[in-house]
Amino acid sequence: MKITVETPIDGEDEIIIRCNELDEELMNLISTIGQWRRRITGYKDKAIVQLVPADIYYFESVDNKVFAYCEKDVFEVKEKLYELESAYKNTDFQRISKSVIANISFIEAVIPILGARLEAKLKNGERVIISRQYVPELKKKLGIKER
């Protein structure tokens, strides 16, 4: 695949894709580009903030509320976890437990723990548990091969 980046003198940014075949990998790329431009409204105290998905480490559902965890801040979001999972399908967001969707680009390491589960250490030092039912799909997405 050849990638060319040009900086236009004026006008808006434009992405042109030329391909012989529009395969699944290319469709995932197109979906990812569109989803990463979308903003998520976050609420903290009395502030309303527009969050960039690329800055979100993970989403967690707690007591019927969903929170977006960034490097240092936590924001409540109005979307349900299943809505976020659907909206960010084919991106770096991956369901890792019943209550958590993680941005795998922030996973620094995965550590096996009891019960066939894993613990993900994130780049900001936080740790989240990966339920055993979600381990195979996460390993596949991360490119982890079994020994």
Protein backbone atom coordinates (compact mmCIF):
# COMPACT_ATOMS: atom_id res chain seq x y z
CA MET A 1 0.00 0.00 0.00
CA LYS A 2 1.36 3.41 -0.94
CA ILE A 3 0.55 6.40 1.29
CA THR A 4 0.95 9.98 0.09
CA VAL A 5 0.39 13.01 2.33
CA GLU A 6 0.09 16.46 0.80
CA THR A 7 -0.47 19.79 2.52
CA PRO A 8 -2.99 21.87 0.55
CA ILE A 9 -2.37 25.60 0.19
CA ASP A 10 -6.00 26.42 0.87
CA GLY A 11 -9.30 24.63 1.29
CA GLU A 12 -10.35 21.91 3.68
CA ASP A 13 -8.58 18.65 4.44
CA GLU A 14 -9.44 15.85 2.03
CA ILE A 15 -8.74 12.13 2.03
CA ILE A 16 -8.78 10.32 -1.30
CA ILE A 17 -8.58 6.53 -1.39
CA ARG A 18 -7.68 4.76 -4.63
CA CYS A 19 -7.88 0.99 -4.51
CA ASN A 20 -8.26 -2.01 -6.76
CA GLU A 21 -10.57 -3.68 -4.28
CA LEU A 22 -12.49 -2.28 -1.31
CA ASP A 23 -11.68 -5.07 1.16
CA GLU A 24 -12.53 -5.42 4.86
CA GLU A 25 -9.23 -3.91 6.02
CA LEU A 26 -9.81 -0.80 3.93
CA MET A 27 -13.42 -0.52 5.13
CA ASN A 28 -12.15 -0.67 8.72
CA LEU A 29 -9.69 2.12 7.96
CA ILE A 30 -12.43 4.30 6.46
CA SER A 31 -14.67 3.63 9.46
CA THR A 32 -11.84 4.48 11.85
CA ILE A 33 -11.13 7.80 10.14
CA GLY A 34 -14.79 8.82 10.38
CA GLN A 35 -15.19 7.76 14.00
CA TRP A 36 -12.05 9.47 15.30
CA ARG A 37 -13.28 12.83 14.06
CA ARG A 38 -16.47 12.53 16.11
CA ARG A 39 -16.44 14.27 19.48
CA ILE A 40 -18.01 13.01 22.69
CA THR A 41 -19.58 15.40 25.17
CA GLY A 42 -18.22 14.92 28.67
CA TYR A 43 -19.49 16.43 31.91
CA LYS A 44 -17.38 17.18 34.98
CA ASP A 45 -18.67 19.30 37.84
CA LYS A 46 -20.37 22.18 36.00
CA ALA A 47 -18.12 22.02 32.93
CA ILE A 48 -19.16 20.59 29.57
CA VAL A 49 -16.19 19.40 27.52
CA GLN A 50 -15.86 18.06 23.98
CA LEU A 51 -13.67 14.95 24.23
CA VAL A 52 -11.57 13.59 21.38
CA PRO A 53 -11.86 9.78 21.25
CA ALA A 54 -8.09 9.44 20.77
CA ASP A 55 -7.61 10.97 24.26
CA ILE A 56 -9.92 8.50 26.01
CA TYR A 57 -8.20 5.58 27.75
CA TYR A 58 -11.41 3.70 28.51
CA PHE A 59 -15.14 3.92 29.15
CA GLU A 60 -16.62 2.36 32.27
CA SER A 61 -20.20 1.82 33.36
CA VAL A 62 -20.77 2.31 37.10
CA ASP A 63 -24.21 2.48 38.76
CA ASN A 64 -26.05 3.06 35.45
CA LYS A 65 -23.72 5.92 34.50
CA VAL A 66 -20.94 5.83 31.92
CA PHE A 67 -17.62 7.56 32.45
CA ALA A 68 -14.81 8.39 30.04
CA TYR A 69 -11.37 8.07 31.62
CA CYS A 70 -8.68 10.24 30.09
CA GLU A 71 -5.03 10.48 31.17
CA LYS A 72 -5.78 12.50 34.31
CA ASP A 73 -9.50 13.35 34.26
CA VAL A 74 -12.77 11.45 34.37
CA PHE A 75 -15.92 12.71 32.64
CA GLU A 76 -19.48 11.45 32.68
CA VAL A 77 -20.91 10.81 29.22
CA LYS A 78 -24.56 10.38 28.31
CA GLU A 79 -24.10 7.49 25.86
CA LYS A 80 -24.69 3.92 27.01
CA LEU A 81 -21.81 1.46 26.86
CA TYR A 82 -23.42 -0.58 24.07
CA GLU A 83 -23.89 2.62 22.03
CA LEU A 84 -20.20 3.48 22.39
CA GLU A 85 -19.23 -0.08 21.49
CA SER A 86 -21.30 0.15 18.32
CA ALA A 87 -20.12 3.67 17.45
CA TYR A 88 -16.45 2.72 17.80
CA LYS A 89 -16.61 -0.70 16.19
CA ASN A 90 -13.54 -1.29 13.96
CA THR A 91 -11.44 1.23 15.92
CA ASP A 92 -8.94 0.81 18.75
CA PHE A 93 -11.79 0.61 21.27
CA GLN A 94 -12.41 -2.94 22.45
CA ARG A 95 -14.85 -4.37 24.98
CA ILE A 96 -12.76 -6.00 27.74
CA SER A 97 -15.44 -6.70 30.35
CA LYS A 98 -19.15 -6.31 30.90
CA SER A 99 -18.57 -2.78 32.21
CA VAL A 100 -15.43 -1.56 30.35
CA ILE A 101 -14.47 -0.64 26.79
CA ALA A 102 -10.74 0.12 26.52
CA ASN A 103 -8.70 2.02 23.95
CA ILE A 104 -6.09 -0.63 23.13
CA SER A 105 -3.61 2.00 21.91
CA PHE A 106 -3.11 2.92 25.59
CA ILE A 107 -2.40 -0.64 26.76
CA GLU A 108 1.22 -0.82 27.85
CA ALA A 109 1.20 -4.46 28.99
CA VAL A 110 -1.14 -7.35 29.71
CA ILE A 111 -0.52 -9.58 32.71
CA PRO A 112 -2.15 -12.99 33.26
CA ILE A 113 -4.07 -13.26 36.54
CA LEU A 114 -6.21 -15.95 38.18
CA GLY A 115 -9.23 -17.42 36.42
CA ALA A 116 -7.93 -17.07 32.83
CA ARG A 117 -8.31 -13.31 33.07
CA LEU A 118 -5.79 -10.65 32.18
CA GLU A 119 -4.93 -7.32 33.72
CA ALA A 120 -4.14 -4.45 31.37
CA LYS A 121 -1.64 -1.89 32.55
CA LEU A 122 -2.39 1.40 30.81
CA LYS A 123 0.13 4.08 29.85
CA ASN A 124 -1.14 6.37 32.62
CA GLY A 125 -0.44 3.70 35.25
CA GLU A 126 -4.05 2.59 35.75
CA ARG A 127 -4.93 -1.09 35.62
CA VAL A 128 -8.14 -2.65 34.33
CA ILE A 129 -9.29 -6.27 34.39
CA ILE A 130 -9.97 -8.11 31.14
CA SER A 131 -12.70 -10.73 31.69
CA ARG A 132 -11.90 -14.19 30.37
CA GLN A 133 -14.71 -14.15 27.80
CA TYR A 134 -13.13 -11.07 26.16
CA VAL A 135 -9.51 -12.31 26.27
CA PRO A 136 -9.49 -14.18 22.89
CA GLU A 137 -10.85 -11.21 20.91
CA LEU A 138 -8.48 -8.79 22.64
CA LYS A 139 -5.48 -11.04 21.96
CA LYS A 140 -6.50 -11.21 18.32
CA LYS A 141 -6.82 -7.42 18.08
CA LEU A 142 -3.47 -6.91 19.82
CA GLY A 143 -1.81 -9.55 17.64
CA ILE A 144 -0.85 -11.74 20.62
CA LYS A 145 -0.04 -15.30 19.57
CA GLU A 146 -0.37 -18.28 21.93
CA ARG A 147 2.85 -20.08 22.81
